[in-house]
Amino acid sequence: MTAGLIEELKKVRDFRTKKGQRHPLWFVLLLVIMGTMSGCLGTGWLGDFVKRHKQSDNRL
């Protein structure tokens, strides 16, 4: 049986310090993947993507 994307992302080791952990790493990586698949090619575009979809998920 294969694991889903979120389960695989949760296995990634978090290299950030405690101070830099506002959101779980798996969630940040998921947003980056979703934004990239939507055509966002830079950090500014990814930030805009998150702002546009903020209403979809109250964790943002």
PDB file of N, CA and C in Angstrom:
ATOM      1  N   MET A   1       0.841  -1.180   0.000  1.00  0.00           N
ATOM      2  CA  MET A   1       0.000   0.000   0.000  1.00  0.00           C
ATOM      3  C   MET A   1       0.886   1.243   0.000  1.00  0.00           C
ATOM      4  N   THR A   2       0.528   2.218  -0.799  1.00  0.00           N
ATOM      5  CA  THR A   2       1.348   3.423  -0.889  1.00  0.00           C
ATOM      6  C   THR A   2       0.821   4.506   0.044  1.00  0.00           C
ATOM      7  N   ALA A   3       1.727   5.324   0.529  1.00  0.00           N
ATOM      8  CA  ALA A   3       1.356   6.432   1.410  1.00  0.00           C
ATOM      9  C   ALA A   3       0.970   7.634   0.567  1.00  0.00           C
ATOM     10  N   GLY A   4       0.144   8.485   1.114  1.00  0.00           N
ATOM     11  CA  GLY A   4      -0.266   9.696   0.433  1.00  0.00           C
ATOM     12  C   GLY A   4       0.807  10.771   0.523  1.00  0.00           C
ATOM     13  N   LEU A   5       0.589  11.840  -0.215  1.00  0.00           N
ATOM     14  CA  LEU A   5       1.557  12.941  -0.264  1.00  0.00           C
ATOM     15  C   LEU A   5       1.809  13.539   1.116  1.00  0.00           C
ATOM     16  N   ILE A   6       0.754  13.786   1.862  1.00  0.00           N
ATOM     17  CA  ILE A   6       0.930  14.417   3.177  1.00  0.00           C
ATOM     18  C   ILE A   6       1.721  13.513   4.113  1.00  0.00           C
ATOM     19  N   GLU A   7       1.452  12.225   4.068  1.00  0.00           N
ATOM     20  CA  GLU A   7       2.199  11.297   4.920  1.00  0.00           C
ATOM     21  C   GLU A   7       3.682  11.304   4.556  1.00  0.00           C
ATOM     22  N   GLU A   8       3.978  11.386   3.274  1.00  0.00           N
ATOM     23  CA  GLU A   8       5.380  11.438   2.836  1.00  0.00           C
ATOM     24  C   GLU A   8       6.029  12.757   3.247  1.00  0.00           C
ATOM     25  N   LEU A   9       5.302  13.865   3.128  1.00  0.00           N
ATOM     26  CA  LEU A   9       5.853  15.164   3.522  1.00  0.00           C
ATOM     27  C   LEU A   9       6.118  15.221   5.027  1.00  0.00           C
ATOM     28  N   LYS A  10       5.309  14.537   5.806  1.00  0.00           N
ATOM     29  CA  LYS A  10       5.510  14.512   7.260  1.00  0.00           C
ATOM     30  C   LYS A  10       6.782  13.772   7.649  1.00  0.00           C
ATOM     31  N   LYS A  11       7.329  12.962   6.759  1.00  0.00           N
ATOM     32  CA  LYS A  11       8.569  12.221   7.026  1.00  0.00           C
ATOM     33  C   LYS A  11       9.819  13.079   6.806  1.00  0.00           C
ATOM     34  N   VAL A  12       9.678  14.231   6.167  1.00  0.00           N
ATOM     35  CA  VAL A  12      10.830  15.101   5.896  1.00  0.00           C
ATOM     36  C   VAL A  12      11.302  15.710   7.210  1.00  0.00           C
ATOM     37  N   ARG A  13      12.591  15.607   7.462  1.00  0.00           N
ATOM     38  CA  ARG A  13      13.171  16.152   8.700  1.00  0.00           C
ATOM     39  C   ARG A  13      13.118  17.673   8.669  1.00  0.00           C
ATOM     40  N   ASP A  14      12.653  18.265   9.737  1.00  0.00           N
ATOM     41  CA  ASP A  14      12.549  19.721   9.832  1.00  0.00           C
ATOM     42  C   ASP A  14      13.879  20.290  10.302  1.00  0.00           C
ATOM     43  N   PHE A  15      14.527  21.050   9.463  1.00  0.00           N
ATOM     44  CA  PHE A  15      15.848  21.613   9.742  1.00  0.00           C
ATOM     45  C   PHE A  15      15.773  22.968  10.420  1.00  0.00           C
ATOM     46  N   ARG A  16      14.576  23.537  10.530  1.00  0.00           N
ATOM     47  CA  ARG A  16      14.426  24.889  11.075  1.00  0.00           C
ATOM     48  C   ARG A  16      14.587  24.895  12.594  1.00  0.00           C
ATOM     49  N   THR A  17      14.992  26.053  13.139  1.00  0.00           N
ATOM     50  CA  THR A  17      15.050  26.197  14.589  1.00  0.00           C
ATOM     51  C   THR A  17      13.630  26.366  15.117  1.00  0.00           C
ATOM     52  N   LYS A  18      13.429  26.164  16.396  1.00  0.00           N
ATOM     53  CA  LYS A  18      12.092  26.320  16.989  1.00  0.00           C
ATOM     54  C   LYS A  18      11.538  27.715  16.736  1.00  0.00           C
ATOM     55  N   LYS A  19      12.410  28.713  16.699  1.00  0.00           N
ATOM     56  CA  LYS A  19      11.973  30.091  16.484  1.00  0.00           C
ATOM     57  C   LYS A  19      11.359  30.271  15.093  1.00  0.00           C
ATOM     58  N   GLY A  20      11.813  29.508  14.129  1.00  0.00           N
ATOM     59  CA  GLY A  20      11.334  29.649  12.759  1.00  0.00           C
ATOM     60  C   GLY A  20      10.201  28.713  12.385  1.00  0.00           C
ATOM     61  N   GLN A  21       9.525  28.128  13.378  1.00  0.00           N
ATOM     62  CA  GLN A  21       8.495  27.132  13.087  1.00  0.00           C
ATOM     63  C   GLN A  21       7.097  27.658  13.402  1.00  0.00           C
ATOM     64  N   ARG A  22       6.599  28.538  12.565  1.00  0.00           N
ATOM     65  CA  ARG A  22       5.241  29.036  12.759  1.00  0.00           C
ATOM     66  C   ARG A  22       4.213  27.998  12.306  1.00  0.00           C
ATOM     67  N   HIS A  23       4.521  27.308  11.203  1.00  0.00           N
ATOM     68  CA  HIS A  23       3.651  26.275  10.648  1.00  0.00           C
ATOM     69  C   HIS A  23       4.457  24.992  10.506  1.00  0.00           C
ATOM     70  N   PRO A  24       3.791  23.847  10.552  1.00  0.00           N
ATOM     71  CA  PRO A  24       4.515  22.578  10.359  1.00  0.00           C
ATOM     72  C   PRO A  24       5.170  22.543   8.980  1.00  0.00           C
ATOM     73  N   LEU A  25       6.345  21.937   8.900  1.00  0.00           N
ATOM     74  CA  LEU A  25       7.087  21.891   7.641  1.00  0.00           C
ATOM     75  C   LEU A  25       6.291  21.210   6.540  1.00  0.00           C
ATOM     76  N   TRP A  26       5.583  20.124   6.860  1.00  0.00           N
ATOM     77  CA  TRP A  26       4.815  19.417   5.831  1.00  0.00           C
ATOM     78  C   TRP A  26       3.785  20.337   5.198  1.00  0.00           C
ATOM     79  N   PHE A  27       3.192  21.233   5.995  1.00  0.00           N
ATOM     80  CA  PHE A  27       2.181  22.155   5.484  1.00  0.00           C
ATOM     81  C   PHE A  27       2.816  23.204   4.568  1.00  0.00           C
ATOM     82  N   VAL A  28       3.975  23.713   4.957  1.00  0.00           N
ATOM     83  CA  VAL A  28       4.694  24.687   4.119  1.00  0.00           C
ATOM     84  C   VAL A  28       5.085  24.038   2.791  1.00  0.00           C
ATOM     85  N   LEU A  29       5.612  22.820   2.854  1.00  0.00           N
ATOM     86  CA  LEU A  29       5.997  22.113   1.629  1.00  0.00           C
ATOM     87  C   LEU A  29       4.791  21.850   0.742  1.00  0.00           C
ATOM     88  N   LEU A  30       3.662  21.507   1.338  1.00  0.00           N
ATOM     89  CA  LEU A  30       2.450  21.275   0.567  1.00  0.00           C
ATOM     90  C   LEU A  30       2.010  22.542  -0.160  1.00  0.00           C
ATOM     91  N   LEU A  31       2.083  23.686   0.519  1.00  0.00           N
ATOM     92  CA  LEU A  31       1.726  24.956  -0.120  1.00  0.00           C
ATOM     93  C   LEU A  31       2.675  25.288  -1.268  1.00  0.00           C
ATOM     94  N   VAL A  32       3.959  25.009  -1.083  1.00  0.00           N
ATOM     95  CA  VAL A  32       4.937  25.253  -2.146  1.00  0.00           C
ATOM     96  C   VAL A  32       4.636  24.370  -3.353  1.00  0.00           C
ATOM     97  N   ILE A  33       4.322  23.108  -3.113  1.00  0.00           N
ATOM     98  CA  ILE A  33       3.992  22.196  -4.204  1.00  0.00           C
ATOM     99  C   ILE A  33       2.733  22.664  -4.930  1.00  0.00           C
ATOM    100  N   MET A  34       1.695  22.996  -4.166  1.00  0.00           N
ATOM    101  CA  MET A  34       0.444  23.444  -4.778  1.00  0.00           C
ATOM    102  C   MET A  34       0.640  24.740  -5.560  1.00  0.00           C
ATOM    103  N   GLY A  35       1.402  25.667  -4.990  1.00  0.00           N
ATOM    104  CA  GLY A  35       1.663  26.931  -5.685  1.00  0.00           C
ATOM    105  C   GLY A  35       2.460  26.724  -6.953  1.00  0.00           C
ATOM    106  N   THR A  36       3.464  25.878  -6.896  1.00  0.00           N
ATOM    107  CA  THR A  36       4.289  25.594  -8.070  1.00  0.00           C
ATOM    108  C   THR A  36       3.445  24.938  -9.159  1.00  0.00           C
ATOM    109  N   MET A  37       2.587  24.022  -8.780  1.00  0.00           N
ATOM    110  CA  MET A  37       1.708  23.373  -9.761  1.00  0.00           C
ATOM    111  C   MET A  37       0.721  24.359 -10.370  1.00  0.00           C
ATOM    112  N   SER A  38       0.449  25.458  -9.664  1.00  0.00           N
ATOM    113  CA  SER A  38      -0.463  26.483 -10.164  1.00  0.00           C
ATOM    114  C   SER A  38       0.252  27.554 -10.977  1.00  0.00           C
ATOM    115  N   GLY A  39       1.571  27.396 -11.141  1.00  0.00           N
ATOM    116  CA  GLY A  39       2.321  28.337 -11.974  1.00  0.00           C
ATOM    117  C   GLY A  39       3.112  29.381 -11.226  1.00  0.00           C
ATOM    118  N   CYS A  40       3.175  29.310  -9.912  1.00  0.00           N
ATOM    119  CA  CYS A  40       3.952  30.264  -9.124  1.00  0.00           C
ATOM    120  C   CYS A  40       5.425  29.876  -9.219  1.00  0.00           C
ATOM    121  N   LEU A  41       6.238  30.803  -9.696  1.00  0.00           N
ATOM    122  CA  LEU A  41       7.637  30.486  -9.937  1.00  0.00           C
ATOM    123  C   LEU A  41       8.608  31.167  -8.990  1.00  0.00           C
ATOM    124  N   GLY A  42       8.132  31.943  -8.056  1.00  0.00           N
ATOM    125  CA  GLY A  42       9.021  32.618  -7.120  1.00  0.00           C
ATOM    126  C   GLY A  42       8.353  32.809  -5.777  1.00  0.00           C
ATOM    127  N   THR A  43       9.129  33.276  -4.806  1.00  0.00           N
ATOM    128  CA  THR A  43       8.586  33.427  -3.455  1.00  0.00           C
ATOM    129  C   THR A  43       7.481  34.476  -3.393  1.00  0.00           C
ATOM    130  N   GLY A  44       7.588  35.517  -4.164  1.00  0.00           N
ATOM    131  CA  GLY A  44       6.532  36.530  -4.198  1.00  0.00           C
ATOM    132  C   GLY A  44       5.225  35.959  -4.718  1.00  0.00           C
ATOM    133  N   TRP A  45       5.330  35.178  -5.780  1.00  0.00           N
ATOM    134  CA  TRP A  45       4.144  34.545  -6.351  1.00  0.00           C
ATOM    135  C   TRP A  45       3.553  33.536  -5.380  1.00  0.00           C
ATOM    136  N   LEU A  46       4.415  32.804  -4.666  1.00  0.00           N
ATOM    137  CA  LEU A  46       3.921  31.839  -3.681  1.00  0.00           C
ATOM    138  C   LEU A  46       3.201  32.557  -2.537  1.00  0.00           C
ATOM    139  N   GLY A  47       3.720  33.690  -2.131  1.00  0.00           N
ATOM    140  CA  GLY A  47       3.058  34.481  -1.096  1.00  0.00           C
ATOM    141  C   GLY A  47       1.683  34.939  -1.552  1.00  0.00           C
ATOM    142  N   ASP A  48       1.586  35.379  -2.802  1.00  0.00           N
ATOM    143  CA  ASP A  48       0.290  35.774  -3.357  1.00  0.00           C
ATOM    144  C   ASP A  48      -0.666  34.585  -3.423  1.00  0.00           C
ATOM    145  N   PHE A  49      -0.142  33.417  -3.785  1.00  0.00           N
ATOM    146  CA  PHE A  49      -0.950  32.202  -3.848  1.00  0.00           C
ATOM    147  C   PHE A  49      -1.550  31.896  -2.480  1.00  0.00           C
ATOM    148  N   VAL A  50      -0.732  31.974  -1.431  1.00  0.00           N
ATOM    149  CA  VAL A  50      -1.205  31.682  -0.077  1.00  0.00           C
ATOM    150  C   VAL A  50      -2.268  32.697   0.331  1.00  0.00           C
ATOM    151  N   LYS A  51      -2.050  33.968   0.036  1.00  0.00           N
ATOM    152  CA  LYS A  51      -3.035  35.006   0.388  1.00  0.00           C
ATOM    153  C   LYS A  51      -4.361  34.776  -0.333  1.00  0.00           C
ATOM    154  N   ARG A  52      -4.298  34.398  -1.609  1.00  0.00           N
ATOM    155  CA  ARG A  52      -5.520  34.155  -2.383  1.00  0.00           C
ATOM    156  C   ARG A  52      -6.311  32.973  -1.837  1.00  0.00           C
ATOM    157  N   HIS A  53      -5.623  31.976  -1.310  1.00  0.00           N
ATOM    158  CA  HIS A  53      -6.284  30.762  -0.859  1.00  0.00           C
ATOM    159  C   HIS A  53      -6.430  30.704   0.661  1.00  0.00           C
ATOM    160  N   LYS A  54      -6.193  31.799   1.320  1.00  0.00           N
ATOM    161  CA  LYS A  54      -6.257  31.834   2.779  1.00  0.00           C
ATOM    162  C   LYS A  54      -7.651  31.480   3.298  1.00  0.00           C
ATOM    163  N   GLN A  55      -8.678  31.860   2.587  1.00  0.00           N
ATOM    164  CA  GLN A  55     -10.037  31.585   3.035  1.00  0.00           C
ATOM    165  C   GLN A  55     -10.369  30.095   2.953  1.00  0.00           C
ATOM    166  N   SER A  56      -9.654  29.351   2.132  1.00  0.00           N
ATOM    167  CA  SER A  56      -9.923  27.915   1.973  1.00  0.00           C
ATOM    168  C   SER A  56      -9.507  27.106   3.183  1.00  0.00           C
ATOM    169  N   ASP A  57      -8.524  27.589   3.931  1.00  0.00           N
ATOM    170  CA  ASP A  57      -8.017  26.828   5.071  1.00  0.00           C
ATOM    171  C   ASP A  57      -7.681  27.802   6.186  1.00  0.00           C
ATOM    172  N   ASN A  58      -8.287  27.654   7.325  1.00  0.00           N
ATOM    173  CA  ASN A  58      -8.088  28.603   8.420  1.00  0.00           C
ATOM    174  C   ASN A  58      -6.735  28.478   9.102  1.00  0.00           C
ATOM    175  N   ARG A  59      -5.882  27.512   8.699  1.00  0.00           N
ATOM    176  CA  ARG A  59      -4.552  27.389   9.292  1.00  0.00           C
ATOM    177  C   ARG A  59      -3.570  28.370   8.679  1.00  0.00           C
ATOM    178  N   LEU A  60      -3.909  29.026   7.573  1.00  0.00           N
ATOM    179  CA  LEU A  60      -2.957  29.920   6.888  1.00  0.00           C
ATOM    180  C   LEU A  60      -2.901  31.264   7.568  1.00  0.00           C
TER     181      LEU A  60
END
